[in-house]
């Protein structure tokens, strides 16, 4: 897969694997992902480790620029911005500054179509996790065999699922599944959804853009992650499977395992 970017990293606290690929049908990859695991133990203890995935909104101006800007600015703002020390306030403030940056970037370029994207970020600190999120990229938690979506899809079909009009499987193949109701960059002030919880032993976190679900169900992904041996096998196998089934969209997956 010549378009694939994949990487793995493991240290004393976190195992990380990620893979991003443009798929078989798209000319370019408008997905982007990034992370920062501080080498300095003092920084890690105070601010934690941050991971993010983003998907440039189809049809918007420079979607690949929007997604890369969103991830990189969030990482920069969170670790180096002048924000409160408490993690929830700091993460939300950095996220809101990222939204403003993306909006201003399009304004300065004189674009009629805003640069916009999804952005889902996971922060691990001590025995807690924190998530900020806008769009239909997703954060999942694999815990005790249960594959739990931690984020809410800001999409038309996501709203239909919450209202009981569609099942999750029907939403996955619905013709309007790509219609977003909220995206980063569409307005200057856009507070994200925020979630937090405790990390338990053997938890695995899975961040993904929506493209992987063109060809794989939640159950298939859950079963794959369940069968991985301590997270050592390649997460890119999910993308390879999706490409064999058609590769209709860009795909990015990120597996984060506290160890």
Protein backbone atom coordinates (compact mmCIF):
# COMPACT_ATOMS: atom_id res chain seq x y z
CA UNK A 1 0.00 0.00 0.00
CA UNK A 2 2.09 2.87 -1.27
CA UNK A 3 -0.20 5.50 0.24
CA UNK A 4 -0.08 3.99 3.70
CA UNK A 5 1.60 5.65 6.65
CA UNK A 6 1.95 3.34 9.63
CA UNK A 7 3.88 3.44 12.85
CA UNK A 8 4.19 1.69 16.17
CA UNK A 9 5.75 2.80 19.42
CA UNK A 10 6.00 1.31 22.87
CA UNK A 11 7.47 2.66 26.07
CA UNK A 12 7.03 1.89 29.75
CA UNK A 13 3.52 3.34 29.86
CA UNK A 14 1.84 3.26 26.42
CA UNK A 15 1.73 1.04 23.36
CA UNK A 16 0.73 2.91 20.20
CA UNK A 17 -0.02 1.79 16.66
CA UNK A 18 -1.55 3.83 13.88
CA UNK A 19 -2.17 3.58 10.17
CA UNK A 20 -3.53 6.12 7.68
CA UNK A 21 -4.27 5.40 4.04
CA UNK A 22 -6.02 7.18 1.16
CA UNK A 23 -7.92 4.05 0.14
CA UNK A 24 -8.41 2.77 -3.41
CA UNK A 25 -10.80 5.38 -4.81
CA UNK A 26 -9.60 8.76 -3.49
CA UNK A 27 -6.79 10.73 -5.16
CA UNK A 28 -5.46 12.14 -1.89
CA UNK A 29 -5.65 11.47 1.81
CA UNK A 30 -7.58 14.14 3.72
CA UNK A 31 -7.22 12.22 6.99
CA UNK A 32 -4.51 13.10 9.48
CA UNK A 33 -3.43 11.83 12.87
CA UNK A 34 -0.82 12.79 15.42
CA UNK A 35 0.25 12.36 19.01
CA UNK A 36 2.66 13.54 21.66
CA UNK A 37 4.01 11.29 24.38
CA UNK A 38 6.33 13.53 26.44
CA UNK A 39 9.81 12.14 26.98
CA UNK A 40 10.17 14.32 30.07
CA UNK A 41 8.51 12.44 32.92
CA UNK A 42 7.65 15.68 34.71
CA UNK A 43 5.72 16.93 31.65
CA UNK A 44 3.99 13.59 31.23
CA UNK A 45 2.98 13.52 34.88
CA UNK A 46 1.51 17.02 34.74
CA UNK A 47 -0.02 17.06 31.23
CA UNK A 48 -0.32 13.45 30.09
CA UNK A 49 -0.08 12.04 26.55
CA UNK A 50 -2.32 13.29 23.74
CA UNK A 51 -3.55 11.50 20.59
CA UNK A 52 -5.78 12.85 17.81
CA UNK A 53 -7.39 11.90 14.48
CA UNK A 54 -9.02 14.23 11.96
CA UNK A 55 -10.88 13.91 8.65
CA UNK A 56 -11.08 16.83 6.22
CA UNK A 57 -14.71 17.44 5.31
CA UNK A 58 -15.44 16.34 1.75
CA UNK A 59 -16.14 19.21 -0.62
CA UNK A 60 -14.58 21.84 1.63
CA UNK A 61 -11.55 23.85 0.65
CA UNK A 62 -8.27 22.03 1.26
CA UNK A 63 -9.58 19.28 3.51
CA UNK A 64 -6.10 17.81 3.86
CA UNK A 65 -4.82 21.19 5.10
CA UNK A 66 -7.68 21.49 7.58
CA UNK A 67 -7.10 18.07 9.15
CA UNK A 68 -3.32 18.52 9.45
CA UNK A 69 -3.69 22.03 10.89
CA UNK A 70 -6.29 20.83 13.38
CA UNK A 71 -4.17 18.02 14.81
CA UNK A 72 -0.87 19.91 14.87
CA UNK A 73 -2.33 23.11 16.33
CA UNK A 74 -4.17 21.17 19.03
CA UNK A 75 -0.95 19.42 20.10
CA UNK A 76 0.97 22.70 20.06
CA UNK A 77 -1.68 24.64 21.97
CA UNK A 78 -2.23 21.97 24.60
CA UNK A 79 1.42 21.55 25.55
CA UNK A 80 2.72 25.07 24.97
CA UNK A 81 -0.31 27.39 25.18
CA UNK A 82 -0.97 29.74 28.09
CA UNK A 83 -3.91 27.88 29.61
CA UNK A 84 -5.01 26.65 33.05
CA UNK A 85 -3.00 23.79 34.50
CA UNK A 86 -6.03 21.61 35.24
CA UNK A 87 -6.34 19.09 32.41
CA UNK A 88 -10.06 19.43 31.53
CA UNK A 89 -9.92 23.22 31.25
CA UNK A 90 -6.59 23.16 29.44
CA UNK A 91 -7.71 20.56 26.87
CA UNK A 92 -10.97 22.35 26.15
CA UNK A 93 -9.23 25.73 25.86
CA UNK A 94 -6.66 24.30 23.43
CA UNK A 95 -9.42 22.70 21.40
CA UNK A 96 -11.42 25.92 21.17
CA UNK A 97 -8.29 27.82 20.11
CA UNK A 98 -7.76 25.22 17.38
CA UNK A 99 -11.29 25.81 16.09
CA UNK A 100 -10.67 29.56 16.00
CA UNK A 101 -7.35 29.06 14.20
CA UNK A 102 -8.99 26.96 11.49
CA UNK A 103 -11.77 29.48 10.99
CA UNK A 104 -9.31 32.38 10.82
CA UNK A 105 -7.10 30.49 8.36
CA UNK A 106 -9.94 30.23 5.87
CA UNK A 107 -10.95 33.84 6.47
CA UNK A 108 -7.45 35.07 5.70
CA UNK A 109 -7.36 32.99 2.54
CA UNK A 110 -10.61 34.61 1.40
CA UNK A 111 -12.26 31.25 0.93
CA UNK A 112 -15.96 31.02 0.18
CA UNK A 113 -15.90 27.44 1.45
CA UNK A 114 -14.60 27.14 5.00
CA UNK A 115 -11.76 24.79 5.77
CA UNK A 116 -13.39 22.25 8.03
CA UNK A 117 -12.73 18.84 9.48
CA UNK A 118 -13.57 16.45 12.27
CA UNK A 119 -11.29 16.28 15.30
CA UNK A 120 -11.31 13.61 17.99
CA UNK A 121 -8.64 13.77 20.68
CA UNK A 122 -7.79 11.41 23.54
CA UNK A 123 -5.68 12.42 26.52
CA UNK A 124 -4.29 9.84 28.95
CA UNK A 125 -3.03 11.05 32.31
CA UNK A 126 -2.39 8.85 35.33
CA UNK A 127 -5.44 6.58 35.61
CA UNK A 128 -7.86 8.91 33.76
CA UNK A 129 -8.81 9.51 30.14
CA UNK A 130 -10.24 12.70 28.63
CA UNK A 131 -11.80 13.15 25.18
CA UNK A 132 -12.65 16.25 23.16
CA UNK A 133 -14.60 15.76 19.97
CA UNK A 134 -16.44 17.33 17.03
CA UNK A 135 -17.63 15.52 13.90
CA UNK A 136 -18.06 11.85 13.02
CA UNK A 137 -14.59 10.51 13.70
CA UNK A 138 -14.86 8.23 16.68
CA UNK A 139 -13.26 7.13 19.94
CA UNK A 140 -13.94 3.61 21.18
CA UNK A 141 -13.01 1.76 24.35
CA UNK A 142 -12.48 -1.99 24.31
CA UNK A 143 -13.11 -3.17 27.86
CA UNK A 144 -13.89 -6.69 29.05
CA UNK A 145 -14.99 -7.73 25.56
CA UNK A 146 -17.28 -4.75 25.08
CA UNK A 147 -16.54 -2.30 22.25
CA UNK A 148 -17.98 0.99 23.50
CA UNK A 149 -18.22 4.15 21.39
CA UNK A 150 -17.27 6.98 23.73
CA UNK A 151 -18.14 9.83 21.34
CA UNK A 152 -21.35 11.04 19.75
CA UNK A 153 -21.46 11.31 15.95
CA UNK A 154 -22.33 14.85 14.84
CA UNK A 155 -23.89 13.56 11.65
CA UNK A 156 -27.35 13.26 10.18
CA UNK A 157 -27.45 9.48 10.57
CA UNK A 158 -25.97 9.78 14.06
CA UNK A 159 -28.93 11.95 15.04
CA UNK A 160 -31.30 9.43 13.46
CA UNK A 161 -29.73 6.61 15.50
CA UNK A 162 -30.10 8.57 18.73
CA UNK A 163 -33.78 9.24 17.89
CA UNK A 164 -34.36 5.56 17.17
CA UNK A 165 -35.04 5.98 13.45
CA UNK A 166 -32.02 3.91 12.38
CA UNK A 167 -29.97 1.12 13.86
CA UNK A 168 -26.19 1.59 14.03
CA UNK A 169 -25.75 -0.96 11.24
CA UNK A 170 -28.32 0.82 9.04
CA UNK A 171 -26.53 4.12 9.67
CA UNK A 172 -23.22 2.58 8.55
CA UNK A 173 -24.53 2.01 5.01
CA UNK A 174 -27.07 4.85 4.77
CA UNK A 175 -26.69 7.02 1.60
CA UNK A 176 -26.55 10.19 3.76
CA UNK A 177 -23.99 8.80 6.23
CA UNK A 178 -21.41 11.47 5.33
CA UNK A 179 -23.64 14.48 6.04
CA UNK A 180 -22.19 16.31 9.05
CA UNK A 181 -24.13 18.55 11.41
CA UNK A 182 -21.04 19.96 13.16
CA UNK A 183 -17.41 20.26 12.05
CA UNK A 184 -14.34 22.11 13.24
CA UNK A 185 -13.77 25.40 11.42
CA UNK A 186 -17.36 26.13 10.50
CA UNK A 187 -17.58 28.93 13.05
CA UNK A 188 -15.08 30.77 15.26
CA UNK A 189 -16.50 29.67 18.60
CA UNK A 190 -17.31 25.98 18.74
CA UNK A 191 -17.06 24.26 22.15
CA UNK A 192 -16.38 20.53 21.74
CA UNK A 193 -18.08 17.58 23.35
CA UNK A 194 -16.12 16.51 26.41
CA UNK A 195 -15.93 13.09 28.04
CA UNK A 196 -13.82 11.61 30.82
CA UNK A 197 -13.47 8.41 32.77
CA UNK A 198 -11.18 6.05 34.63
CA UNK A 199 -8.68 3.76 32.92
CA UNK A 200 -8.93 0.13 34.01
CA UNK A 201 -6.48 -2.73 33.53
CA UNK A 202 -6.43 -4.13 29.97
CA UNK A 203 -8.33 -1.17 28.48
CA UNK A 204 -7.63 -0.44 24.82
CA UNK A 205 -8.57 2.84 23.12
CA UNK A 206 -9.31 2.98 19.40
CA UNK A 207 -9.52 6.27 17.48
CA UNK A 208 -10.73 6.20 13.90
CA UNK A 209 -12.08 8.29 11.04
CA UNK A 210 -15.33 7.14 9.48
CA UNK A 211 -13.81 5.64 6.31
CA UNK A 212 -12.98 2.29 7.89
CA UNK A 213 -16.70 1.68 8.48
CA UNK A 214 -17.38 1.68 4.73
CA UNK A 215 -16.14 -1.92 4.75
CA UNK A 216 -15.86 -3.13 8.33
CA UNK A 217 -18.50 -3.45 11.04
CA UNK A 218 -17.98 -2.60 14.70
CA UNK A 219 -18.13 -6.30 15.49
CA UNK A 220 -15.36 -7.12 13.02
CA UNK A 221 -13.15 -4.42 14.50
CA UNK A 222 -13.92 -5.56 18.04
CA UNK A 223 -13.09 -9.17 17.16
CA UNK A 224 -9.82 -8.12 15.52
CA UNK A 225 -8.75 -6.09 18.56
CA UNK A 226 -9.81 -8.88 20.92
CA UNK A 227 -7.62 -11.37 19.06
CA UNK A 228 -4.53 -9.17 19.00
CA UNK A 229 -1.86 -10.48 21.35
CA UNK A 230 -1.20 -7.62 23.77
CA UNK A 231 -1.56 -5.16 20.91
CA UNK A 232 1.54 -6.56 19.17
CA UNK A 233 0.04 -7.41 15.76
CA UNK A 234 -0.27 -4.78 13.07
CA UNK A 235 -3.28 -2.49 13.23
CA UNK A 236 -2.72 -1.86 9.50
CA UNK A 237 -4.39 -5.22 8.84
CA UNK A 238 -7.74 -3.49 9.38
CA UNK A 239 -6.92 -1.03 6.60
CA UNK A 240 -5.63 -3.80 4.35
CA UNK A 241 -8.94 -5.65 4.80
CA UNK A 242 -10.96 -2.51 4.02
CA UNK A 243 -8.87 -1.92 0.88
CA UNK A 244 -9.44 -5.49 -0.29
CA UNK A 245 -13.16 -4.81 0.03
CA UNK A 246 -13.01 -1.70 -2.12
CA UNK A 247 -11.24 1.06 -0.20
CA UNK A 248 -13.94 3.63 -0.91
CA UNK A 249 -12.65 6.33 1.44
CA UNK A 250 -9.61 7.58 3.33
CA UNK A 251 -9.02 5.54 6.47
CA UNK A 252 -7.14 6.26 9.68
CA UNK A 253 -7.01 4.02 12.74
CA UNK A 254 -5.09 4.52 15.96
CA UNK A 255 -4.76 1.98 18.79
CA UNK A 256 -3.59 3.23 22.18
CA UNK A 257 -2.96 0.74 24.98
CA UNK A 258 -1.94 1.87 28.47
CA UNK A 259 0.45 -0.79 29.78
